[in-house]
Structures are given as structure tokens and as C-alpha cells.
Protein backbone atom coordinates (compact mmCIF):
# COMPACT_ATOMS: atom_id res chain seq x y z
CA MET A 1 21.10 -11.07 15.06
CA LEU A 2 24.35 -12.65 16.27
CA GLN A 3 27.27 -13.56 14.05
CA LEU A 4 26.70 -17.07 15.40
CA LYS A 5 23.87 -17.45 12.90
CA GLN A 6 26.18 -16.95 9.93
CA ILE A 7 28.78 -19.27 11.47
CA LEU A 8 26.18 -22.05 11.73
CA LYS A 9 25.01 -21.39 8.19
CA ASP A 10 28.54 -21.45 6.76
CA ALA A 11 29.19 -24.77 8.52
CA ASP A 12 25.87 -26.20 7.27
CA ILE A 13 24.69 -26.76 10.85
CA ARG A 14 20.98 -26.45 11.51
CA GLN A 15 19.80 -24.51 14.53
CA ALA A 16 17.80 -27.60 15.51
CA GLU A 17 21.07 -29.52 16.01
CA LEU A 18 22.38 -26.83 18.32
CA ALA A 19 19.10 -26.85 20.26
CA VAL A 20 19.42 -30.61 20.87
CA ALA A 21 23.00 -30.21 22.04
CA LEU A 22 22.02 -27.44 24.45
CA GLY A 23 18.94 -29.24 25.71
CA VAL A 24 16.64 -26.30 24.89
CA SER A 25 13.84 -25.70 22.42
CA GLY A 26 14.42 -24.62 18.85
CA ALA A 27 12.58 -21.40 19.63
CA THR A 28 15.08 -20.62 22.40
CA VAL A 29 17.98 -21.01 19.97
CA ALA A 30 16.13 -18.82 17.48
CA GLN A 31 15.75 -16.10 20.12
CA ILE A 32 19.47 -16.27 20.85
CA VAL A 33 20.83 -16.19 17.29
CA ASN A 34 18.19 -13.92 15.78
CA HIS A 35 17.49 -11.46 18.60
CA ASN A 36 20.39 -11.89 21.09
CA GLN A 37 17.84 -12.74 23.77
CA TRP A 38 18.90 -15.37 26.28
CA PRO A 39 16.82 -17.49 28.68
CA LYS A 40 17.11 -16.96 32.42
CA LYS A 41 18.05 -20.60 32.94
CA PRO A 42 20.59 -21.96 32.37
CA PRO A 43 22.81 -18.88 32.85
CA ARG A 44 24.08 -17.10 29.76
CA ASP A 45 27.74 -17.96 30.48
CA ALA A 46 26.87 -21.63 30.74
CA ILE A 47 25.04 -21.56 27.40
CA LYS A 48 27.95 -19.76 25.75
CA ARG A 49 30.31 -22.40 27.07
CA GLN A 50 28.08 -25.17 25.67
CA ILE A 51 27.93 -23.45 22.30
CA THR A 52 31.71 -23.09 22.24
CA GLU A 53 32.14 -26.80 23.01
CA PHE A 54 29.53 -27.67 20.35
CA LEU A 55 31.44 -25.70 17.71
CA GLN A 56 34.82 -27.11 18.77
CA ALA A 57 33.47 -30.66 18.44
CA ARG A 58 32.73 -29.88 14.80
CA GLY A 59 36.14 -28.51 14.08
CA ILE A 60 35.16 -24.86 14.31
CA THR A 61 37.47 -22.60 16.28
CA PRO A 62 35.03 -20.31 18.04
CA GLN A 63 35.83 -16.70 18.72
CA GLU A 64 34.13 -14.15 20.91
CA ARG A 65 32.82 -12.58 17.68
CA CYS A 66 30.25 -15.37 17.34
CA PHE A 67 28.35 -13.79 20.25
CA ALA A 68 28.62 -10.28 18.79
CA PRO A 69 25.82 -8.64 16.79
CA ALA A 70 25.98 -9.23 13.04
CA THR A 71 27.16 -6.16 11.18
CA THR A 72 26.79 -7.33 7.58
CA GLY A 73 24.13 -9.03 5.49
CA ASN A 74 20.41 -8.59 5.34
CA GLU A 75 18.53 -9.67 8.43
CA ALA A 76 15.79 -11.97 7.21
CA LEU A 77 13.65 -11.83 10.32
CA LEU A 78 11.36 -9.21 11.77
CA GLU A 79 11.81 -7.39 15.06
CA LYS A 80 10.50 -8.96 18.26
CA HIS A 81 6.73 -9.04 18.68
CA THR A 82 5.09 -6.16 20.53
CA THR A 83 1.53 -5.06 21.07
CA ASN A 84 2.45 -1.39 21.15
CA PRO A 85 0.58 0.08 18.13
CA LYS A 86 3.43 2.43 17.27
CA GLU A 87 5.91 -0.46 17.31
CA ILE A 88 3.70 -2.84 15.33
CA ASP A 89 4.33 -0.81 12.18
CA MET A 90 8.06 -1.51 12.60
CA LEU A 91 7.35 -5.21 12.02
CA LEU A 92 6.38 -4.70 8.43
CA ARG A 93 9.69 -5.16 6.68
CA LYS A 94 9.57 -6.77 3.28
CA GLN A 95 10.02 -10.54 3.52
CA THR A 96 10.50 -12.99 0.67
CA LEU A 97 9.81 -16.69 0.86
CA THR A 98 13.09 -18.52 0.20
CA GLN A 99 13.51 -21.45 -2.17
CA PRO A 100 14.29 -23.84 0.74
CA ALA A 101 11.01 -22.77 2.37
CA ARG A 102 9.09 -23.38 -0.85
CA ARG A 103 10.63 -26.83 -1.09
CA LEU A 104 9.91 -27.62 2.57
CA PHE A 105 6.22 -26.73 2.19
CA ASN A 106 5.98 -28.15 -1.34
CA LEU A 107 4.74 -24.92 -2.91
CA VAL A 108 4.45 -24.70 -6.68
CA ARG A 109 4.42 -20.90 -6.38
CA ASP A 110 4.87 -18.31 -3.68
CA PRO A 111 1.38 -17.97 -2.17
CA PHE A 112 2.18 -14.37 -1.29
CA ASP A 113 3.03 -13.23 -4.81
CA GLU A 114 0.78 -10.61 -6.39
CA VAL A 115 -2.42 -12.05 -7.80
CA ARG A 116 -2.39 -12.76 -11.53
CA SER A 117 -6.05 -12.21 -12.41
CA GLY A 118 -9.34 -11.00 -10.99
CA ASP A 119 -10.28 -14.61 -10.19
CA GLU A 120 -7.43 -14.78 -7.67
CA VAL A 121 -8.52 -11.75 -5.66
CA PHE A 122 -9.80 -12.64 -2.19
CA MET A 123 -13.06 -10.88 -1.40
CA THR A 124 -13.96 -9.77 2.12
CA PRO A 125 -17.31 -8.04 2.66
CA ASP A 126 -15.41 -4.72 2.54
CA SER A 127 -13.53 -5.44 -0.66
CA ARG A 128 -16.60 -6.95 -2.31
CA TYR A 129 -18.50 -3.73 -1.68
CA VAL A 130 -15.59 -1.65 -2.98
CA ARG A 131 -15.30 -3.81 -6.09
CA GLU A 132 -18.98 -3.30 -6.94
CA ALA A 133 -18.78 0.42 -6.13
CA LEU A 134 -15.80 0.84 -8.45
CA ARG A 135 -17.52 -1.01 -11.26
CA SER A 136 -20.68 1.01 -10.78
CA THR A 137 -18.64 4.23 -10.90
CA ALA A 138 -17.04 3.08 -14.13
CA ARG A 139 -20.39 2.17 -15.71
CA HIS A 140 -22.63 4.96 -14.48
CA GLY A 141 -20.43 7.69 -13.03
CA GLY A 142 -19.88 8.61 -9.42
CA PHE A 143 -17.22 9.96 -7.09
CA ILE A 144 -15.60 7.56 -4.63
CA ALA A 145 -12.46 7.56 -2.49
CA VAL A 146 -11.03 4.21 -1.36
CA VAL A 147 -8.89 4.63 1.75
CA GLY A 148 -6.69 2.06 3.44
CA GLU A 149 -3.40 1.56 5.21
CA SER A 150 -0.33 0.45 3.29
CA GLY A 151 -0.82 -3.15 2.22
CA ALA A 152 -4.59 -3.16 2.75
CA GLY A 153 -5.30 -4.22 -0.85
CA LYS A 154 -6.14 -0.89 -2.50
CA SER A 155 -3.88 -1.38 -5.51
CA THR A 156 -5.18 -4.92 -5.97
CA LEU A 157 -8.72 -3.57 -6.26
CA ARG A 158 -7.54 -0.95 -8.77
CA ARG A 159 -5.92 -3.66 -10.88
CA ASP A 160 -9.08 -5.73 -10.53
CA LEU A 161 -11.10 -2.83 -11.95
CA VAL A 162 -8.75 -2.36 -14.90
CA ASP A 163 -8.72 -6.11 -15.57
CA TRP A 164 -12.53 -6.19 -15.46
CA VAL A 165 -12.68 -3.36 -18.00
CA ASN A 166 -10.10 -4.95 -20.29
CA THR A 167 -11.69 -8.39 -20.29
CA GLY A 168 -15.31 -7.23 -20.36
CA SER A 169 -17.49 -6.18 -23.24
CA GLN A 170 -18.49 -2.78 -21.90
CA PRO A 171 -16.86 0.21 -23.64
CA ILE A 172 -15.25 1.91 -20.62
CA VAL A 173 -12.21 4.14 -20.90
CA VAL A 174 -9.98 4.12 -17.83
CA ILE A 175 -7.99 7.34 -17.42
CA GLU A 176 -4.98 7.12 -15.10
CA PRO A 177 -2.78 10.22 -14.74
CA TYR A 178 0.83 9.44 -13.92
CA VAL A 179 1.54 10.03 -10.25
CA LEU A 180 5.27 9.32 -10.16
CA GLY A 181 6.88 11.82 -7.81
CA MET A 182 3.51 13.35 -6.91
CA GLU A 183 3.33 15.25 -3.63
CA ASP A 184 0.80 17.65 -2.19
CA ASN A 185 3.17 20.59 -2.51
CA ASP A 186 5.88 21.65 -4.96
CA ILE A 187 8.61 21.67 -2.30
CA LYS A 188 8.63 17.91 -1.69
CA GLY A 189 7.78 16.89 -5.27
CA LYS A 190 5.43 17.73 -8.11
CA THR A 191 1.77 18.44 -7.56
CA LEU A 192 -0.86 16.96 -9.85
CA LYS A 193 -2.86 19.90 -11.17
CA SER A 194 -6.15 20.07 -13.02
CA ALA A 195 -4.27 20.87 -16.24
CA HIS A 196 -2.42 17.56 -15.94
CA ILE A 197 -5.71 15.73 -15.46
CA ALA A 198 -7.12 17.44 -18.55
CA GLU A 199 -4.09 16.28 -20.52
CA ALA A 200 -4.58 12.72 -19.27
CA VAL A 201 -8.24 12.78 -20.35
CA MET A 202 -7.35 14.00 -23.84
CA ALA A 203 -4.53 11.45 -24.18
CA ALA A 204 -6.98 8.65 -23.37
CA ILE A 205 -9.98 9.61 -25.51
CA ALA A 206 -8.56 11.87 -28.25
CA PRO A 207 -4.81 11.19 -28.44
CA ARG A 208 -4.35 12.74 -31.90
CA GLU A 209 -6.05 16.01 -31.07
CA PRO A 210 -3.64 18.85 -30.20
CA ILE A 211 -4.29 20.25 -26.72
CA LYS A 212 -5.38 23.86 -26.59
CA ARG A 213 -3.01 26.26 -24.89
CA SER A 214 -5.31 28.53 -22.93
CA PRO A 215 -6.91 27.03 -19.82
CA GLU A 216 -10.44 28.03 -20.86
CA ALA A 217 -10.05 26.53 -24.34
CA ARG A 218 -8.38 23.39 -22.94
CA PHE A 219 -11.17 22.60 -20.48
CA ARG A 220 -13.84 23.33 -23.09
CA GLN A 221 -11.95 20.92 -25.35
CA VAL A 222 -12.01 18.25 -22.61
CA HIS A 223 -15.76 18.67 -22.12
CA GLU A 224 -16.47 18.39 -25.83
CA ALA A 225 -14.21 15.38 -26.24
CA LEU A 226 -15.90 13.59 -23.34
CA ARG A 227 -19.33 14.43 -24.71
CA GLU A 228 -18.50 13.12 -28.19
CA SER A 229 -17.01 9.94 -26.74
CA HIS A 230 -20.07 9.47 -24.51
CA ARG A 231 -22.45 9.86 -27.45
CA ALA A 232 -20.42 7.24 -29.28
CA GLY A 233 -21.32 4.82 -26.50
CA ASN A 234 -18.28 5.08 -24.23
CA ARG A 235 -18.11 5.57 -20.49
CA HIS A 236 -15.16 7.14 -18.70
CA VAL A 237 -13.61 6.71 -15.28
CA LEU A 238 -10.73 8.74 -13.88
CA VAL A 239 -8.60 6.69 -11.46
CA ILE A 240 -5.97 8.46 -9.34
CA GLU A 241 -3.78 6.26 -7.16
CA GLU A 242 -1.69 7.68 -4.29
CA ALA A 243 -4.45 10.28 -4.03
CA HIS A 244 -3.36 11.19 -0.50
CA GLY A 245 -0.68 13.18 -2.33
CA LEU A 246 -3.22 15.40 -4.10
CA PRO A 247 -3.12 19.06 -3.07
CA ILE A 248 -6.35 20.58 -1.76
CA PRO A 249 -6.81 22.84 -4.83
CA THR A 250 -6.76 19.80 -7.13
CA LEU A 251 -9.28 17.99 -4.92
CA LYS A 252 -11.56 20.99 -5.27
CA HIS A 253 -11.08 21.04 -9.04
CA LEU A 254 -12.07 17.38 -9.25
CA LYS A 255 -15.56 18.43 -8.24
CA ARG A 256 -15.73 20.45 -11.47
CA PHE A 257 -14.58 17.48 -13.54
CA PHE A 258 -17.27 15.41 -11.86
CA GLU A 259 -19.91 17.96 -12.86
CA LEU A 260 -19.18 17.63 -16.59
CA GLU A 261 -22.44 16.39 -18.08
CA ASP A 262 -24.33 15.64 -21.26
CA GLY A 263 -27.95 16.19 -20.30
CA PHE A 264 -28.61 13.99 -17.29
CA SER A 265 -25.57 11.81 -17.93
CA LYS A 266 -22.35 12.27 -16.01
CA LEU A 267 -19.40 12.16 -18.38
CA LEU A 268 -16.67 11.21 -15.94
CA GLY A 269 -16.65 8.90 -12.94
CA ILE A 270 -13.88 9.58 -10.43
CA VAL A 271 -12.02 7.08 -8.24
CA LEU A 272 -9.45 8.21 -5.68
CA ILE A 273 -7.24 5.59 -4.03
CA GLY A 274 -5.04 6.58 -1.12
CA GLN A 275 -3.84 6.05 2.41
CA SER A 276 -5.40 7.39 5.59
CA GLU A 277 -4.14 10.92 4.90
CA LEU A 278 -6.69 11.08 2.08
CA ALA A 279 -9.54 10.58 4.56
CA GLN A 280 -8.10 13.38 6.66
CA LYS A 281 -8.07 15.71 3.67
CA LEU A 282 -11.66 14.76 2.90
CA ASP A 283 -12.79 15.28 6.48
CA GLU A 284 -16.26 16.79 6.54
CA ARG A 285 -15.05 19.29 9.12
CA ASN A 286 -12.55 20.74 6.65
CA PRO A 287 -14.26 23.81 5.13
CA ASN A 288 -11.76 23.90 2.24
CA VAL A 289 -13.18 20.72 0.72
CA ARG A 290 -16.83 20.87 1.77
CA GLU A 291 -18.02 20.92 -1.87
CA VAL A 292 -16.03 17.75 -2.57
CA VAL A 293 -17.06 15.98 0.63
CA GLN A 294 -20.74 16.44 -0.20
CA ARG A 295 -20.26 14.53 -3.47
CA CYS A 296 -17.54 12.00 -2.67
CA GLU A 297 -18.21 8.69 -0.91
CA VAL A 298 -15.27 7.66 1.29
CA VAL A 299 -14.86 3.91 1.83
CA THR A 300 -12.25 2.52 4.22
CA LEU A 301 -10.68 -0.93 3.80
CA ASN A 302 -10.62 -2.53 7.25
CA PRO A 303 -8.17 -5.17 8.57
CA LEU A 304 -8.86 -8.81 7.77
CA GLY A 305 -10.17 -9.55 11.28
CA ASN A 306 -12.29 -12.70 11.22
CA GLU A 307 -11.50 -13.17 7.53
CA LEU A 308 -7.87 -14.08 8.29
CA GLU A 309 -8.28 -17.86 8.12
CA GLY A 310 -10.30 -17.64 4.91
CA TYR A 311 -7.68 -15.36 3.41
CA LEU A 312 -4.85 -17.76 4.27
CA LYS A 313 -6.78 -20.73 2.87
CA HIS A 314 -7.37 -18.80 -0.34
CA ARG A 315 -3.70 -17.84 -0.66
CA PHE A 316 -2.35 -21.34 -0.13
CA ALA A 317 -4.98 -22.78 -2.48
CA LEU A 318 -3.39 -20.62 -5.21
CA ALA A 319 -0.22 -22.65 -4.58
CA ASN A 320 -2.14 -25.97 -4.52
CA ARG A 321 -1.67 -26.44 -0.79
CA GLN A 322 -4.03 -26.86 2.12
CA LEU A 323 -3.64 -24.37 4.96
CA ALA A 324 -3.72 -27.25 7.47
CA ASP A 325 -0.54 -28.64 5.88
CA VAL A 326 1.30 -25.40 6.70
CA MET A 327 -0.08 -24.19 10.04
CA ASP A 328 -2.64 -25.11 12.67
CA ALA A 329 -5.40 -23.11 14.38
CA PRO A 330 -3.20 -21.90 17.29
CA ALA A 331 -0.69 -20.53 14.79
CA ILE A 332 -3.46 -18.64 12.99
CA GLU A 333 -4.59 -17.12 16.27
CA ALA A 334 -0.99 -16.22 17.11
CA LEU A 335 -0.73 -14.42 13.77
CA ARG A 336 -3.95 -12.55 14.45
CA SER A 337 -2.74 -11.56 17.91
CA LYS A 338 0.69 -10.51 16.67
CA LEU A 339 -0.71 -7.99 14.20
CA THR A 340 -3.56 -6.70 16.34
CA GLY A 341 -2.86 -4.08 19.00
CA ARG A 342 -5.17 -2.82 21.70
CA GLU A 343 -6.32 0.18 19.66
CA HIS A 344 -4.75 -0.34 16.27
CA SER A 345 -4.54 -3.31 13.90
CA VAL A 346 -2.20 -3.95 11.00
CA LEU A 347 -3.85 -7.24 10.09
CA TYR A 348 -3.70 -6.39 6.39
CA PRO A 349 -2.59 -8.68 3.54
CA LEU A 350 0.91 -7.24 3.20
CA ALA A 351 1.65 -7.55 6.93
CA VAL A 352 0.30 -11.11 6.92
CA HIS A 353 2.52 -11.97 3.95
CA ASN A 354 5.63 -10.61 5.66
CA VAL A 355 5.09 -12.40 8.96
CA MET A 356 4.15 -15.69 7.28
CA SER A 357 7.17 -15.58 4.97
CA ALA A 358 9.48 -14.88 7.91
CA ALA A 359 7.95 -17.71 9.96
CA MET A 360 8.16 -20.21 7.08
CA ASN A 361 11.79 -19.25 6.45
CA LEU A 362 12.51 -19.70 10.15
CA ALA A 363 10.87 -23.14 10.06
CA VAL A 364 13.54 -24.18 7.54
CA ASP A 365 16.33 -22.92 9.84
CA LEU A 366 14.92 -24.90 12.76
CA GLY A 367 14.05 -28.02 10.78
CA MET A 368 10.38 -27.76 11.69
CA PRO A 369 7.77 -29.20 9.28
CA ALA A 370 5.05 -26.63 9.97
CA VAL A 371 4.45 -23.11 11.25
CA THR A 372 3.48 -23.11 14.92
CA ALA A 373 2.24 -20.41 17.26
CA GLU A 374 5.68 -20.37 18.86
CA LEU A 375 7.31 -19.70 15.50
CA ILE A 376 4.90 -16.85 14.75
CA HIS A 377 5.80 -15.16 18.01
CA GLU A 378 9.52 -15.64 17.37
CA VAL A 379 9.67 -13.60 14.16
């Protein structure tokens, strides 16, 4: 980003005005001020001279610094589009929709805010299956691992499960061990051990009962507490987020928690939620976890793919807006193309939110009333 952008902003000059004066498109000006990328024609020196004259006409004494890279402030736009899978991930900086953008698009709320209830969750075929699998695990027991890239919607589905339990009539106890600072070894952070899981179980179903000191007595205590709670009509589900940070020994111990029974009834359903490293740890070719792999269903959340347009319509409907009022079909396809590489796709909700927010913010800078394909490619 050039310091020119801040100079224009301080002088309350829209980039669209500069584009008219230069006789180029708004996207060309955006490329210059945001990415320091100049067109082949007219020559760069000629454009610089025109910009200098434009600023002088408005009483601004230009300096060479206006064509220098910005060194302060937060750059609001993403890096230039690339289809290199390794570089696509670099696009995913956090973006926030600005108040001017919300006013321009007449949004009563940020359509990319976190959902506020289960009714606001957008369901793809993948996420619908995961939702039902999670609920079934909570009601009847089971062992499932939900795997997805960052921003794929894993945490949203976890919150959806907890909300469903809290608002429903079924007596289900959700047990969530704290995972702050959890790593898969004690050098990088703190590992979550089976003893910690036992403590979390007791805190959820028998909080007033002192925890036994010896490991054998503690785990017997957990089994008995779960059995008594089950006979009282309760069901239990253990939910571990950031499960890719679980050490292999703890994954193996989870199999033993899963095997706690009262007759034919499983006492504890288990849900693991983690990034792709979790799938690698649960690889069926890994002999260290073969007992877990045989019992744990691994479900992967895929990119939005053909669901992109439906997802965007759903999101803007939450803000009482029609998608067609914000962007057209070519812009949607440009968004799909931008986040889809030849062999790897990051077309996940979080990436979509970031690119859309950046494009809508840029629309304000350029004085454009809608998001176009050209705008999508510029951020």
C-alpha cells in the first residue's frame, strides 16, 4: 500500500475522483494505491505526474513520499490474488466490515458476524450430516471426530450442539474440558491427559463429590458417577475442541472412556473437533491408534463449493438484504475462483467473510454501489 492512499483519505478525496482525473478505471487506481502495481500504459512516470498535478490542484503539496510504501497503520486489504495453493492461505487475514460499508449496503447488522442461534446456522449436506451425527452421539453414545480447515465451521457446529442441548427437553450433560494452552507435548504447552478428562467429567455430573487421589480409585469413581447419572435418566457427551492438539496417549485413553458401560448402554459419547492434523493422527495406517481408529468415525467438512451462492444468500438474509443488491453472478464466480486453487480450496466460511468484507470496504473507497468481479479480484 502506498502512502498516497492515506494522503487521499486525509484530504477526503475518493479514489474514484482520482480515477476520473487520470482517465483510468477505479480498479486501476486501487491496484496502484493498495498494491503499488502500475499499468503498462500510460507509463508510470506519466501517471505520477498526473497524480502530482491532481493533488496540487486541490492545494496539496505532493512529495515523493506519496509514492512510497506505507509504513504505518493497518492495511485493510488482502494480498493480491493467486491460484498457488500455498499462497492462497496468505489471503486469509482477518477483515472487518467498516461502518461506511454497512451504510453503503444498508445493512442492519454485519452479515459476517457469528451466528446468534441454531436457526441462523447455514446447513450444507456435509454440515447437516455432522449436525445429526453429533446429536445422535449426544443421545445414544458414539465416537466421532469432526475435521476441517480453519474457518470451515467446526466451532459453529459445536455451539449448535450445545444450543440444541440447552434449549431442548432431553437430559443431556455436555462435558467440555478446558483446552486453553493445550498442545500435543509438554514442551510447547500443556497436554490434556486422561486424569484431566476424568476431572472434567466429575465436575459436570458430580461437582460436590471430592475427587479420589489414586488413579485407580479416580477412574472407578468416574465410572460409578456416570452409571448413577445414566440410571437417573441422563445422557453424557464429552466434547473436546482443538482436538488436533491431543497427544497420542490421550487419544488411546479415550477409547477406554468410550468403553464405559452400564449393561448394553454406553455411558459416554465422545466428540473430537479439530483441524486436519487430527485426521493425520487418526490415520488408519498409524499402528499407535489402531484401537481408536476402529471405533471412531472421522467426518471431514468440505469447502462450500456449489453451496457458495446459497451460503451468501443466507448470510445477507440475516441482515435483511438480498444478495442481488450486493453482488451479481459474475462476482460470485470470481469469489469462487479466487478461493479455489488447482488442487486445494479454501472456500470456507471464514475465507469468504474476509474476502467479501475487504471487497465491500473497497467499494466504499471507489464509490461503487455494488461488489463486482473486478473488485473481488482486486482485494
